Protein backbone atom coordinates (compact mmCIF):
# COMPACT_ATOMS: atom_id res chain seq x y z
CA MET A 1 22.75 0.70 -7.19
CA GLU A 2 21.19 4.15 -7.62
CA ILE A 3 18.93 5.27 -4.82
CA ASN A 4 15.84 7.39 -5.86
CA ARG A 5 16.65 7.64 -9.46
CA PRO A 6 14.12 10.37 -10.53
CA ASP A 7 12.38 8.52 -13.32
CA VAL A 8 11.96 5.48 -11.20
CA LEU A 9 10.85 7.46 -8.19
CA ALA A 10 8.19 9.18 -10.31
CA GLU A 11 6.89 5.76 -11.55
CA VAL A 12 6.68 4.32 -8.02
CA THR A 13 5.06 7.55 -6.70
CA ALA A 14 2.47 7.39 -9.43
CA ALA A 15 1.66 3.73 -8.58
CA PHE A 16 1.63 4.45 -4.85
CA MET A 17 -0.84 7.34 -5.35
CA LYS A 18 -3.00 5.25 -7.65
CA TYR A 19 -3.18 2.65 -4.90
CA GLN A 20 -4.00 5.33 -2.22
CA ARG A 21 -6.80 6.75 -4.40
CA ALA A 22 -8.18 3.23 -4.78
CA VAL A 23 -8.18 2.73 -1.08
CA ASP A 24 -9.86 6.09 -0.46
CA SER A 25 -12.66 5.22 -3.03
CA ASN A 26 -12.78 1.57 -2.13
CA ASP A 27 -11.96 0.62 -5.77
CA VAL A 28 -11.43 -3.07 -5.10
CA GLU A 29 -10.43 -3.85 -8.71
CA VAL A 30 -7.60 -1.38 -8.74
CA MET A 31 -6.36 -2.44 -5.27
CA ASN A 32 -6.40 -6.08 -6.40
CA ASP A 33 -4.60 -5.27 -9.67
CA LEU A 34 -1.80 -3.39 -7.88
CA PHE A 35 -0.98 -6.47 -5.67
CA TRP A 36 1.25 -9.10 -7.20
CA GLN A 37 -0.90 -11.94 -8.31
CA SER A 38 1.09 -14.68 -6.62
CA PRO A 39 0.70 -17.08 -3.73
CA PHE A 40 3.79 -15.46 -2.24
CA THR A 41 2.26 -12.02 -1.75
CA VAL A 42 1.69 -11.22 1.91
CA ARG A 43 -0.50 -8.53 3.69
CA TYR A 44 -0.13 -8.11 7.47
CA ALA A 45 -2.86 -5.99 9.16
CA TYR A 46 -4.72 -5.58 12.44
CA ASN A 47 -7.30 -7.97 11.05
CA GLY A 48 -4.89 -10.77 10.40
CA THR A 49 -2.26 -12.11 8.01
CA LEU A 50 -3.23 -12.71 4.47
CA THR A 51 -0.93 -14.90 2.37
CA GLY A 52 -1.33 -15.03 -1.36
CA HIS A 53 -3.17 -12.75 -3.79
CA ALA A 54 -6.33 -14.90 -3.65
CA ALA A 55 -6.61 -14.44 0.09
CA ILE A 56 -6.12 -10.69 -0.17
CA ALA A 57 -8.62 -10.29 -2.90
CA ALA A 58 -11.17 -12.44 -1.00
CA PHE A 59 -10.76 -10.25 2.08
CA ARG A 60 -11.46 -7.09 0.09
CA GLN A 61 -14.38 -8.62 -1.71
CA ASN A 62 -16.02 -9.79 1.49
CA ARG A 63 -15.61 -6.67 3.54
CA SER A 64 -18.18 -3.98 3.64
CA GLY A 65 -16.37 -1.03 2.31
CA SER A 66 -17.02 2.56 1.57
CA SER A 67 -15.05 5.65 0.76
CA ILE A 68 -12.46 6.59 3.31
CA ASP A 69 -11.67 10.22 4.26
CA ARG A 70 -8.12 10.41 5.42
CA THR A 71 -4.98 12.48 5.04
CA LEU A 72 -1.55 11.00 4.44
CA GLN A 73 1.44 12.28 6.37
CA ASN A 74 5.07 11.47 6.78
CA THR A 75 5.22 9.59 3.44
CA VAL A 76 8.69 8.28 2.42
CA ILE A 77 9.20 6.61 -0.92
CA THR A 78 12.60 5.10 -1.62
CA THR A 79 13.59 3.27 -4.79
CA PHE A 80 16.57 0.91 -5.08
CA GLY A 81 17.87 0.55 -8.54
CA LEU A 82 15.37 0.03 -11.32
CA ASP A 83 13.09 -2.64 -9.91
CA PHE A 84 12.46 -2.37 -6.22
CA ALA A 85 10.94 0.24 -3.85
CA ALA A 86 9.73 0.64 -0.34
CA THR A 87 6.86 3.04 0.59
CA ASN A 88 5.92 4.07 4.07
CA THR A 89 3.17 6.45 5.12
CA GLU A 90 0.93 7.34 8.01
CA SER A 91 -2.70 8.44 7.63
CA ILE A 92 -5.28 9.98 9.93
CA LYS A 93 -9.00 10.45 9.58
CA PRO A 94 -10.65 13.84 10.26
CA GLY A 95 -11.71 14.14 13.88
CA HIS A 96 -9.64 11.16 15.00
CA SER A 97 -6.26 11.14 16.86
CA ARG A 98 -5.28 7.51 15.91
CA VAL A 99 -2.54 7.27 13.39
CA SER A 100 -2.47 4.35 11.00
CA ARG A 101 0.73 3.20 9.40
CA GLN A 102 1.20 1.52 6.10
CA SER A 103 4.38 -0.03 4.60
CA GLN A 104 4.63 -1.60 1.20
CA SER A 105 7.40 -3.34 -0.90
CA TRP A 106 6.98 -2.76 -4.62
CA VAL A 107 8.66 -4.65 -7.42
CA ARG A 108 8.72 -3.72 -11.13
CA MET A 109 6.95 -6.65 -12.94
CA PRO A 110 6.46 -7.11 -16.69
CA HIS A 111 3.07 -5.46 -16.37
CA GLY A 112 4.11 -2.59 -14.07
CA TRP A 113 4.86 -1.87 -10.38
CA ARG A 114 3.14 -4.29 -8.03
CA ILE A 115 2.90 -4.56 -4.16
CA VAL A 116 4.61 -7.85 -3.06
CA ALA A 117 4.37 -7.24 0.65
CA ALA A 118 2.23 -4.81 2.81
CA HIS A 119 1.75 -4.09 6.41
CA VAL A 120 -0.99 -1.89 7.92
CA SER A 121 -1.29 -1.08 11.66
CA ASP A 122 -2.57 1.53 14.07
CA CYS A 123 -0.22 3.44 16.30
CA PRO A 124 -1.76 2.64 19.75
CA ASP A 125 -0.91 5.95 21.35
CA ALA A 126 -1.34 8.31 18.35
CA GLN A 127 2.30 9.38 18.57
CA THR A 128 4.16 9.51 15.29
């Protein structure tokens, strides 16, 4: 298995950045599209566990959202072969010391790269 094959890494990086731009601009349609549309998709976060694409999409639709100003840091993207990748990043909002963490598992699907599992949490002591 080839780790970080350049063409696959470029594809996953593009999908990851598309998702990050959607988060920053609260583009719910793009965020929902980039999650695997399956009852097996999971998103863990400080606001609870969401199991299945329908639950994740409902959460996004029902929350009051706006654009987010944040800076990503310590981003690591690793691809495994042609069809699987793990992404990990931290983010911080201007004027805040709290660091948020995000990890995602991505799988190449017939219609492109999709997030099959995600975890978002805050670092309680702002240490990275």
